[in-house]
Amino acid sequence: MKFVAGLAALALMTVPAFAAPTAEQKAEFHAVCMGIAQDETLCSCKADAAMTLIDERFMAMVIAAMQGGSVPQDQYSAYNTYVAKSNQICKPNY
């Protein structure tokens, strides 16, 4: 059992940790969302949810996608999962 715990600890140390989204990213996300949806309640909720669901790197990709950019093919699944989770939080029964 100690061996398994040791492997888990080693795995955590070798996986790069990504930073949480920044306050600036949250503000940009909110501004872009408002430009699209014009719904303060939804955009505030989605911005708050993004802060807990994704990291700084992924937030940059999400904002770019909201601005009309393409989601990289290898990120489709993660992006769709993020959208589904944020909708569960912000648009119950959606």
PDB file of N, CA and C in Angstrom:
ATOM      1  N   MET A   1       0.822  -1.186   0.000  1.00  0.00           N
ATOM      2  CA  MET A   1       0.000   0.000   0.000  1.00  0.00           C
ATOM      3  C   MET A   1       0.870   1.255   0.000  1.00  0.00           C
ATOM      4  N   LYS A   2       2.003   1.213   0.737  1.00  0.00           N
ATOM      5  CA  LYS A   2       2.901   2.363   0.751  1.00  0.00           C
ATOM      6  C   LYS A   2       3.449   2.631  -0.646  1.00  0.00           C
ATOM      7  N   PHE A   3       3.728   1.557  -1.389  1.00  0.00           N
ATOM      8  CA  PHE A   3       4.249   1.700  -2.747  1.00  0.00           C
ATOM      9  C   PHE A   3       3.264   2.441  -3.633  1.00  0.00           C
ATOM     10  N   VAL A   4       1.978   2.095  -3.559  1.00  0.00           N
ATOM     11  CA  VAL A   4       0.942   2.748  -4.357  1.00  0.00           C
ATOM     12  C   VAL A   4       0.833   4.213  -3.964  1.00  0.00           C
ATOM     13  N   ALA A   5       0.845   4.502  -2.678  1.00  0.00           N
ATOM     14  CA  ALA A   5       0.777   5.888  -2.215  1.00  0.00           C
ATOM     15  C   ALA A   5       1.993   6.665  -2.693  1.00  0.00           C
ATOM     16  N   GLY A   6       3.142   6.015  -2.678  1.00  0.00           N
ATOM     17  CA  GLY A   6       4.369   6.663  -3.154  1.00  0.00           C
ATOM     18  C   GLY A   6       4.292   6.970  -4.635  1.00  0.00           C
ATOM     19  N   LEU A   7       3.743   6.056  -5.416  1.00  0.00           N
ATOM     20  CA  LEU A   7       3.579   6.296  -6.852  1.00  0.00           C
ATOM     21  C   LEU A   7       2.616   7.447  -7.110  1.00  0.00           C
ATOM     22  N   ALA A   8       1.548   7.502  -6.338  1.00  0.00           N
ATOM     23  CA  ALA A   8       0.583   8.590  -6.503  1.00  0.00           C
ATOM     24  C   ALA A   8       1.232   9.932  -6.191  1.00  0.00           C
ATOM     25  N   ALA A   9       2.019   9.970  -5.137  1.00  0.00           N
ATOM     26  CA  ALA A   9       2.699  11.215  -4.773  1.00  0.00           C
ATOM     27  C   ALA A   9       3.703  11.613  -5.846  1.00  0.00           C
ATOM     28  N   LEU A  10       4.427  10.646  -6.385  1.00  0.00           N
ATOM     29  CA  LEU A  10       5.383  10.922  -7.450  1.00  0.00           C
ATOM     30  C   LEU A  10       4.675  11.435  -8.693  1.00  0.00           C
ATOM     31  N   ALA A  11       3.554  10.854  -9.032  1.00  0.00           N
ATOM     32  CA  ALA A  11       2.799  11.288 -10.200  1.00  0.00           C
ATOM     33  C   ALA A  11       2.345  12.727 -10.040  1.00  0.00           C
ATOM     34  N   LEU A  12       1.918  13.083  -8.836  1.00  0.00           N
ATOM     35  CA  LEU A  12       1.478  14.454  -8.593  1.00  0.00           C
ATOM     36  C   LEU A  12       2.639  15.433  -8.725  1.00  0.00           C
ATOM     37  N   MET A  13       3.819  15.017  -8.349  1.00  0.00           N
ATOM     38  CA  MET A  13       4.974  15.912  -8.423  1.00  0.00           C
ATOM     39  C   MET A  13       5.466  16.082  -9.856  1.00  0.00           C
ATOM     40  N   THR A  14       5.233  15.100 -10.722  1.00  0.00           N
ATOM     41  CA  THR A  14       5.761  15.179 -12.075  1.00  0.00           C
ATOM     42  C   THR A  14       4.769  15.776 -13.063  1.00  0.00           C
ATOM     43  N   VAL A  15       3.512  15.880 -12.685  1.00  0.00           N
ATOM     44  CA  VAL A  15       2.512  16.477 -13.559  1.00  0.00           C
ATOM     45  C   VAL A  15       2.586  17.984 -13.387  1.00  0.00           C
ATOM     46  N   PRO A  16       2.781  18.721 -14.483  1.00  0.00           N
ATOM     47  CA  PRO A  16       2.871  20.170 -14.318  1.00  0.00           C
ATOM     48  C   PRO A  16       1.553  20.740 -13.810  1.00  0.00           C
ATOM     49  N   ALA A  17       1.655  21.618 -12.863  1.00  0.00           N
ATOM     50  CA  ALA A  17       0.459  22.262 -12.323  1.00  0.00           C
ATOM     51  C   ALA A  17       0.203  23.535 -13.114  1.00  0.00           C
ATOM     52  N   PHE A  18      -1.005  23.688 -13.577  1.00  0.00           N
ATOM     53  CA  PHE A  18      -1.369  24.889 -14.305  1.00  0.00           C
ATOM     54  C   PHE A  18      -2.048  25.845 -13.337  1.00  0.00           C
ATOM     55  N   ALA A  19      -1.814  27.098 -13.562  1.00  0.00           N
ATOM     56  CA  ALA A  19      -2.367  28.126 -12.681  1.00  0.00           C
ATOM     57  C   ALA A  19      -3.853  28.301 -12.935  1.00  0.00           C
ATOM     58  N   ALA A  20      -4.528  28.739 -11.907  1.00  0.00           N
ATOM     59  CA  ALA A  20      -5.943  29.078 -12.028  1.00  0.00           C
ATOM     60  C   ALA A  20      -6.074  30.277 -12.967  1.00  0.00           C
ATOM     61  N   PRO A  21      -7.236  30.434 -13.578  1.00  0.00           N
ATOM     62  CA  PRO A  21      -7.440  31.616 -14.421  1.00  0.00           C
ATOM     63  C   PRO A  21      -7.214  32.891 -13.611  1.00  0.00           C
ATOM     64  N   THR A  22      -6.804  33.931 -14.297  1.00  0.00           N
ATOM     65  CA  THR A  22      -6.542  35.202 -13.626  1.00  0.00           C
ATOM     66  C   THR A  22      -7.813  36.042 -13.524  1.00  0.00           C
ATOM     67  N   ALA A  23      -7.762  37.028 -12.663  1.00  0.00           N
ATOM     68  CA  ALA A  23      -8.884  37.975 -12.554  1.00  0.00           C
ATOM     69  C   ALA A  23      -9.092  38.704 -13.883  1.00  0.00           C
ATOM     70  N   GLU A  24      -8.004  38.980 -14.583  1.00  0.00           N
ATOM     71  CA  GLU A  24      -8.104  39.639 -15.885  1.00  0.00           C
ATOM     72  C   GLU A  24      -8.820  38.745 -16.893  1.00  0.00           C
ATOM     73  N   GLN A  25      -8.506  37.445 -16.864  1.00  0.00           N
ATOM     74  CA  GLN A  25      -9.193  36.514 -17.759  1.00  0.00           C
ATOM     75  C   GLN A  25     -10.676  36.437 -17.421  1.00  0.00           C
ATOM     76  N   LYS A  26     -10.992  36.430 -16.135  1.00  0.00           N
ATOM     77  CA  LYS A  26     -12.399  36.381 -15.726  1.00  0.00           C
ATOM     78  C   LYS A  26     -13.137  37.605 -16.266  1.00  0.00           C
ATOM     79  N   ALA A  27     -12.518  38.770 -16.144  1.00  0.00           N
ATOM     80  CA  ALA A  27     -13.139  39.999 -16.642  1.00  0.00           C
ATOM     81  C   ALA A  27     -13.287  39.960 -18.163  1.00  0.00           C
ATOM     82  N   GLU A  28     -12.269  39.447 -18.856  1.00  0.00           N
ATOM     83  CA  GLU A  28     -12.351  39.341 -20.315  1.00  0.00           C
ATOM     84  C   GLU A  28     -13.438  38.354 -20.718  1.00  0.00           C
ATOM     85  N   PHE A  29     -13.492  37.207 -20.040  1.00  0.00           N
ATOM     86  CA  PHE A  29     -14.525  36.211 -20.305  1.00  0.00           C
ATOM     87  C   PHE A  29     -15.898  36.855 -20.169  1.00  0.00           C
ATOM     88  N   HIS A  30     -16.107  37.571 -19.063  1.00  0.00           N
ATOM     89  CA  HIS A  30     -17.391  38.209 -18.808  1.00  0.00           C
ATOM     90  C   HIS A  30     -17.728  39.208 -19.915  1.00  0.00           C
ATOM     91  N   ALA A  31     -16.765  40.024 -20.305  1.00  0.00           N
ATOM     92  CA  ALA A  31     -17.001  41.037 -21.345  1.00  0.00           C
ATOM     93  C   ALA A  31     -17.352  40.385 -22.687  1.00  0.00           C
ATOM     94  N   VAL A  32     -16.634  39.341 -23.048  1.00  0.00           N
ATOM     95  CA  VAL A  32     -16.914  38.647 -24.315  1.00  0.00           C
ATOM     96  C   VAL A  32     -18.289  37.992 -24.246  1.00  0.00           C
ATOM     97  N   CYS A  33     -18.595  37.355 -23.123  1.00  0.00           N
ATOM     98  CA  CYS A  33     -19.900  36.719 -22.946  1.00  0.00           C
ATOM     99  C   CYS A  33     -21.023  37.744 -23.078  1.00  0.00           C
ATOM    100  N   MET A  34     -20.859  38.894 -22.451  1.00  0.00           N
ATOM    101  CA  MET A  34     -21.890  39.939 -22.528  1.00  0.00           C
ATOM    102  C   MET A  34     -22.080  40.422 -23.963  1.00  0.00           C
ATOM    103  N   GLY A  35     -20.997  40.466 -24.716  1.00  0.00           N
ATOM    104  CA  GLY A  35     -21.096  40.850 -26.116  1.00  0.00           C
ATOM    105  C   GLY A  35     -21.875  39.839 -26.940  1.00  0.00           C
ATOM    106  N   ILE A  36     -21.870  38.589 -26.492  1.00  0.00           N
ATOM    107  CA  ILE A  36     -22.579  37.520 -27.199  1.00  0.00           C
ATOM    108  C   ILE A  36     -24.012  37.383 -26.682  1.00  0.00           C
ATOM    109  N   ALA A  37     -24.146  37.220 -25.362  1.00  0.00           N
ATOM    110  CA  ALA A  37     -25.436  36.854 -24.770  1.00  0.00           C
ATOM    111  C   ALA A  37     -26.228  38.035 -24.218  1.00  0.00           C
ATOM    112  N   GLN A  38     -25.535  39.077 -23.837  1.00  0.00           N
ATOM    113  CA  GLN A  38     -26.196  40.233 -23.221  1.00  0.00           C
ATOM    114  C   GLN A  38     -27.104  39.803 -22.060  1.00  0.00           C
ATOM    115  N   ASP A  39     -26.572  38.890 -21.234  1.00  0.00           N
ATOM    116  CA  ASP A  39     -27.313  38.333 -20.100  1.00  0.00           C
ATOM    117  C   ASP A  39     -26.382  38.351 -18.885  1.00  0.00           C
ATOM    118  N   GLU A  40     -26.552  39.364 -18.039  1.00  0.00           N
ATOM    119  CA  GLU A  40     -25.654  39.548 -16.893  1.00  0.00           C
ATOM    120  C   GLU A  40     -25.636  38.339 -15.971  1.00  0.00           C
ATOM    121  N   THR A  41     -26.795  37.781 -15.673  1.00  0.00           N
ATOM    122  CA  THR A  41     -26.864  36.635 -14.767  1.00  0.00           C
ATOM    123  C   THR A  41     -26.091  35.451 -15.336  1.00  0.00           C
ATOM    124  N   LEU A  42     -26.333  35.141 -16.597  1.00  0.00           N
ATOM    125  CA  LEU A  42     -25.645  34.018 -17.236  1.00  0.00           C
ATOM    126  C   LEU A  42     -24.144  34.262 -17.314  1.00  0.00           C
ATOM    127  N   CYS A  43     -23.737  35.434 -17.774  1.00  0.00           N
ATOM    128  CA  CYS A  43     -22.313  35.704 -17.963  1.00  0.00           C
ATOM    129  C   CYS A  43     -21.554  35.743 -16.642  1.00  0.00           C
ATOM    130  N   SER A  44     -22.161  36.270 -15.603  1.00  0.00           N
ATOM    131  CA  SER A  44     -21.519  36.264 -14.289  1.00  0.00           C
ATOM    132  C   SER A  44     -21.362  34.840 -13.782  1.00  0.00           C
ATOM    133  N   CYS A  45     -22.397  34.049 -13.938  1.00  0.00           N
ATOM    134  CA  CYS A  45     -22.340  32.653 -13.499  1.00  0.00           C
ATOM    135  C   CYS A  45     -21.281  31.881 -14.285  1.00  0.00           C
ATOM    136  N   LYS A  46     -21.280  32.036 -15.598  1.00  0.00           N
ATOM    137  CA  LYS A  46     -20.319  31.317 -16.443  1.00  0.00           C
ATOM    138  C   LYS A  46     -18.884  31.733 -16.116  1.00  0.00           C
ATOM    139  N   ALA A  47     -18.667  33.031 -15.870  1.00  0.00           N
ATOM    140  CA  ALA A  47     -17.324  33.500 -15.515  1.00  0.00           C
ATOM    141  C   ALA A  47     -16.890  32.903 -14.180  1.00  0.00           C
ATOM    142  N   ASP A  48     -17.791  32.879 -13.205  1.00  0.00           N
ATOM    143  CA  ASP A  48     -17.477  32.273 -11.905  1.00  0.00           C
ATOM    144  C   ASP A  48     -17.196  30.784 -12.062  1.00  0.00           C
ATOM    145  N   ALA A  49     -18.013  30.095 -12.839  1.00  0.00           N
ATOM    146  CA  ALA A  49     -17.832  28.655 -13.041  1.00  0.00           C
ATOM    147  C   ALA A  49     -16.500  28.356 -13.712  1.00  0.00           C
ATOM    148  N   ALA A  50     -16.140  29.152 -14.689  1.00  0.00           N
ATOM    149  CA  ALA A  50     -14.879  28.928 -15.397  1.00  0.00           C
ATOM    150  C   ALA A  50     -13.690  28.986 -14.442  1.00  0.00           C
ATOM    151  N   MET A  51     -13.782  29.823 -13.434  1.00  0.00           N
ATOM    152  CA  MET A  51     -12.681  29.964 -12.476  1.00  0.00           C
ATOM    153  C   MET A  51     -12.430  28.678 -11.695  1.00  0.00           C
ATOM    154  N   THR A  52     -13.433  27.839 -11.568  1.00  0.00           N
ATOM    155  CA  THR A  52     -13.268  26.600 -10.810  1.00  0.00           C
ATOM    156  C   THR A  52     -13.154  25.368 -11.706  1.00  0.00           C
ATOM    157  N   LEU A  53     -13.590  25.478 -12.943  1.00  0.00           N
ATOM    158  CA  LEU A  53     -13.617  24.309 -13.826  1.00  0.00           C
ATOM    159  C   LEU A  53     -12.377  24.161 -14.707  1.00  0.00           C
ATOM    160  N   ILE A  54     -11.715  25.266 -15.024  1.00  0.00           N
ATOM    161  CA  ILE A  54     -10.606  25.207 -15.980  1.00  0.00           C
ATOM    162  C   ILE A  54      -9.410  25.992 -15.462  1.00  0.00           C
ATOM    163  N   ASP A  55      -8.262  25.787 -16.102  1.00  0.00           N
ATOM    164  CA  ASP A  55      -7.056  26.495 -15.706  1.00  0.00           C
ATOM    165  C   ASP A  55      -6.801  27.690 -16.634  1.00  0.00           C
ATOM    166  N   GLU A  56      -5.757  28.422 -16.326  1.00  0.00           N
ATOM    167  CA  GLU A  56      -5.423  29.646 -17.056  1.00  0.00           C
ATOM    168  C   GLU A  56      -5.213  29.385 -18.548  1.00  0.00           C
ATOM    169  N   ARG A  57      -4.506  28.314 -18.866  1.00  0.00           N
ATOM    170  CA  ARG A  57      -4.225  27.975 -20.261  1.00  0.00           C
ATOM    171  C   ARG A  57      -5.522  27.668 -21.008  1.00  0.00           C
ATOM    172  N   PHE A  58      -6.387  26.872 -20.404  1.00  0.00           N
ATOM    173  CA  PHE A  58      -7.638  26.486 -21.047  1.00  0.00           C
ATOM    174  C   PHE A  58      -8.582  27.680 -21.144  1.00  0.00           C
ATOM    175  N   MET A  59      -8.553  28.563 -20.155  1.00  0.00           N
ATOM    176  CA  MET A  59      -9.387  29.766 -20.184  1.00  0.00           C
ATOM    177  C   MET A  59      -9.032  30.615 -21.406  1.00  0.00           C
ATOM    178  N   ALA A  60      -7.760  30.726 -21.714  1.00  0.00           N
ATOM    179  CA  ALA A  60      -7.350  31.502 -22.890  1.00  0.00           C
ATOM    180  C   ALA A  60      -7.952  30.895 -24.161  1.00  0.00           C
ATOM    181  N   MET A  61      -7.972  29.572 -24.249  1.00  0.00           N
ATOM    182  CA  MET A  61      -8.550  28.907 -25.410  1.00  0.00           C
ATOM    183  C   MET A  61     -10.059  29.113 -25.466  1.00  0.00           C
ATOM    184  N   VAL A  62     -10.726  29.049 -24.316  1.00  0.00           N
ATOM    185  CA  VAL A  62     -12.174  29.247 -24.260  1.00  0.00           C
ATOM    186  C   VAL A  62     -12.529  30.663 -24.720  1.00  0.00           C
ATOM    187  N   ILE A  63     -11.802  31.650 -24.221  1.00  0.00           N
ATOM    188  CA  ILE A  63     -12.065  33.031 -24.619  1.00  0.00           C
ATOM    189  C   ILE A  63     -11.855  33.199 -26.113  1.00  0.00           C
ATOM    190  N   ALA A  64     -10.784  32.632 -26.634  1.00  0.00           N
ATOM    191  CA  ALA A  64     -10.523  32.714 -28.078  1.00  0.00           C
ATOM    192  C   ALA A  64     -11.657  32.065 -28.869  1.00  0.00           C
ATOM    193  N   ALA A  65     -12.154  30.935 -28.394  1.00  0.00           N
ATOM    194  CA  ALA A  65     -13.264  30.257 -29.072  1.00  0.00           C
ATOM    195  C   ALA A  65     -14.527  31.114 -29.034  1.00  0.00           C
ATOM    196  N   MET A  66     -14.765  31.771 -27.906  1.00  0.00           N
ATOM    197  CA  MET A  66     -15.936  32.639 -27.785  1.00  0.00           C
ATOM    198  C   MET A  66     -15.834  33.817 -28.765  1.00  0.00           C
ATOM    199  N   GLN A  67     -14.615  34.202 -29.091  1.00  0.00           N
ATOM    200  CA  GLN A  67     -14.393  35.309 -30.007  1.00  0.00           C
ATOM    201  C   GLN A  67     -14.366  34.860 -31.463  1.00  0.00           C
ATOM    202  N   GLY A  68     -14.701  33.599 -31.700  1.00  0.00           N
ATOM    203  CA  GLY A  68     -14.784  33.088 -33.060  1.00  0.00           C
ATOM    204  C   GLY A  68     -13.629  32.207 -33.484  1.00  0.00           C
ATOM    205  N   GLY A  69     -12.685  31.973 -32.594  1.00  0.00           N
ATOM    206  CA  GLY A  69     -11.563  31.097 -32.913  1.00  0.00           C
ATOM    207  C   GLY A  69     -11.983  29.639 -32.888  1.00  0.00           C
ATOM    208  N   SER A  70     -11.118  28.810 -33.387  1.00  0.00           N
ATOM    209  CA  SER A  70     -11.383  27.373 -33.430  1.00  0.00           C
ATOM    210  C   SER A  70     -10.805  26.688 -32.199  1.00  0.00           C
ATOM    211  N   VAL A  71     -11.515  25.698 -31.731  1.00  0.00           N
ATOM    212  CA  VAL A  71     -11.012  24.851 -30.654  1.00  0.00           C
ATOM    213  C   VAL A  71     -10.113  23.810 -31.310  1.00  0.00           C
ATOM    214  N   PRO A  72      -8.875  23.666 -30.827  1.00  0.00           N
ATOM    215  CA  PRO A  72      -8.000  22.648 -31.409  1.00  0.00           C
ATOM    216  C   PRO A  72      -8.654  21.264 -31.325  1.00  0.00           C
ATOM    217  N   GLN A  73      -8.473  20.497 -32.365  1.00  0.00           N
ATOM    218  CA  GLN A  73      -9.133  19.189 -32.451  1.00  0.00           C
ATOM    219  C   GLN A  73      -8.844  18.318 -31.231  1.00  0.00           C
ATOM    220  N   ASP A  74      -7.617  18.369 -30.724  1.00  0.00           N
ATOM    221  CA  ASP A  74      -7.281  17.525 -29.578  1.00  0.00           C
ATOM    222  C   ASP A  74      -7.881  18.051 -28.269  1.00  0.00           C
ATOM    223  N   GLN A  75      -8.570  19.183 -28.323  1.00  0.00           N
ATOM    224  CA  GLN A  75      -9.209  19.752 -27.143  1.00  0.00           C
ATOM    225  C   GLN A  75     -10.737  19.695 -27.197  1.00  0.00           C
ATOM    226  N   TYR A  76     -11.298  19.161 -28.291  1.00  0.00           N
ATOM    227  CA  TYR A  76     -12.766  19.101 -28.439  1.00  0.00           C
ATOM    228  C   TYR A  76     -13.445  18.457 -27.244  1.00  0.00           C
ATOM    229  N   SER A  77     -12.964  17.313 -26.834  1.00  0.00           N
ATOM    230  CA  SER A  77     -13.606  16.580 -25.750  1.00  0.00           C
ATOM    231  C   SER A  77     -13.561  17.387 -24.452  1.00  0.00           C
ATOM    232  N   ALA A  78     -12.403  17.929 -24.123  1.00  0.00           N
ATOM    233  CA  ALA A  78     -12.270  18.731 -22.902  1.00  0.00           C
ATOM    234  C   ALA A  78     -13.146  19.980 -22.988  1.00  0.00           C
ATOM    235  N   TYR A  79     -13.195  20.615 -24.145  1.00  0.00           N
ATOM    236  CA  TYR A  79     -14.013  21.817 -24.325  1.00  0.00           C
ATOM    237  C   TYR A  79     -15.492  21.486 -24.158  1.00  0.00           C
ATOM    238  N   ASN A  80     -15.930  20.407 -24.785  1.00  0.00           N
ATOM    239  CA  ASN A  80     -17.335  20.008 -24.668  1.00  0.00           C
ATOM    240  C   ASN A  80     -17.688  19.647 -23.226  1.00  0.00           C
ATOM    241  N   THR A  81     -16.774  19.008 -22.518  1.00  0.00           N
ATOM    242  CA  THR A  81     -16.995  18.682 -21.112  1.00  0.00           C
ATOM    243  C   THR A  81     -17.117  19.957 -20.291  1.00  0.00           C
ATOM    244  N   TYR A  82     -16.243  20.928 -20.553  1.00  0.00           N
ATOM    245  CA  TYR A  82     -16.313  22.212 -19.846  1.00  0.00           C
ATOM    246  C   TYR A  82     -17.655  22.896 -20.106  1.00  0.00           C
ATOM    247  N   VAL A  83     -18.079  22.952 -21.363  1.00  0.00           N
ATOM    248  CA  VAL A  83     -19.347  23.607 -21.700  1.00  0.00           C
ATOM    249  C   VAL A  83     -20.502  22.909 -20.988  1.00  0.00           C
ATOM    250  N   ALA A  84     -20.503  21.589 -21.008  1.00  0.00           N
ATOM    251  CA  ALA A  84     -21.575  20.835 -20.354  1.00  0.00           C
ATOM    252  C   ALA A  84     -21.603  21.108 -18.849  1.00  0.00           C
ATOM    253  N   LYS A  85     -20.426  21.108 -18.211  1.00  0.00           N
ATOM    254  CA  LYS A  85     -20.376  21.343 -16.762  1.00  0.00           C
ATOM    255  C   LYS A  85     -20.792  22.771 -16.424  1.00  0.00           C
ATOM    256  N   SER A  86     -20.355  23.740 -17.218  1.00  0.00           N
ATOM    257  CA  SER A  86     -20.743  25.124 -16.918  1.00  0.00           C
ATOM    258  C   SER A  86     -22.235  25.321 -17.167  1.00  0.00           C
ATOM    259  N   ASN A  87     -22.791  24.628 -18.152  1.00  0.00           N
ATOM    260  CA  ASN A  87     -24.241  24.703 -18.376  1.00  0.00           C
ATOM    261  C   ASN A  87     -25.006  24.058 -17.221  1.00  0.00           C
ATOM    262  N   GLN A  88     -24.502  22.948 -16.687  1.00  0.00           N
ATOM    263  CA  GLN A  88     -25.145  22.314 -15.530  1.00  0.00           C
ATOM    264  C   GLN A  88     -25.217  23.289 -14.371  1.00  0.00           C
ATOM    265  N   ILE A  89     -24.174  24.058 -14.183  1.00  0.00           N
ATOM    266  CA  ILE A  89     -24.101  24.996 -13.072  1.00  0.00           C
ATOM    267  C   ILE A  89     -24.984  26.209 -13.336  1.00  0.00           C
ATOM    268  N   CYS A  90     -24.897  26.750 -14.541  1.00  0.00           N
ATOM    269  CA  CYS A  90     -25.514  28.064 -14.829  1.00  0.00           C
ATOM    270  C   CYS A  90     -26.856  27.996 -15.549  1.00  0.00           C
ATOM    271  N   LYS A  91     -27.174  26.868 -16.132  1.00  0.00           N
ATOM    272  CA  LYS A  91     -28.422  26.727 -16.870  1.00  0.00           C
ATOM    273  C   LYS A  91     -29.076  25.396 -16.519  1.00  0.00           C
ATOM    274  N   PRO A  92     -29.458  25.217 -15.253  1.00  0.00           N
ATOM    275  CA  PRO A  92     -30.070  23.944 -14.871  1.00  0.00           C
ATOM    276  C   PRO A  92     -31.269  23.631 -15.783  1.00  0.00           C
ATOM    277  N   ASN A  93     -31.441  22.389 -16.062  1.00  0.00           N
ATOM    278  CA  ASN A  93     -32.521  21.901 -16.947  1.00  0.00           C
ATOM    279  C   ASN A  93     -32.331  22.312 -18.397  1.00  0.00           C
ATOM    280  N   TYR A  94     -31.116  22.704 -18.761  1.00  0.00           N
ATOM    281  CA  TYR A  94     -30.821  23.110 -20.139  1.00  0.00           C
ATOM    282  C   TYR A  94     -30.813  21.915 -21.046  1.00  0.00           C
TER     283      TYR A  94
END
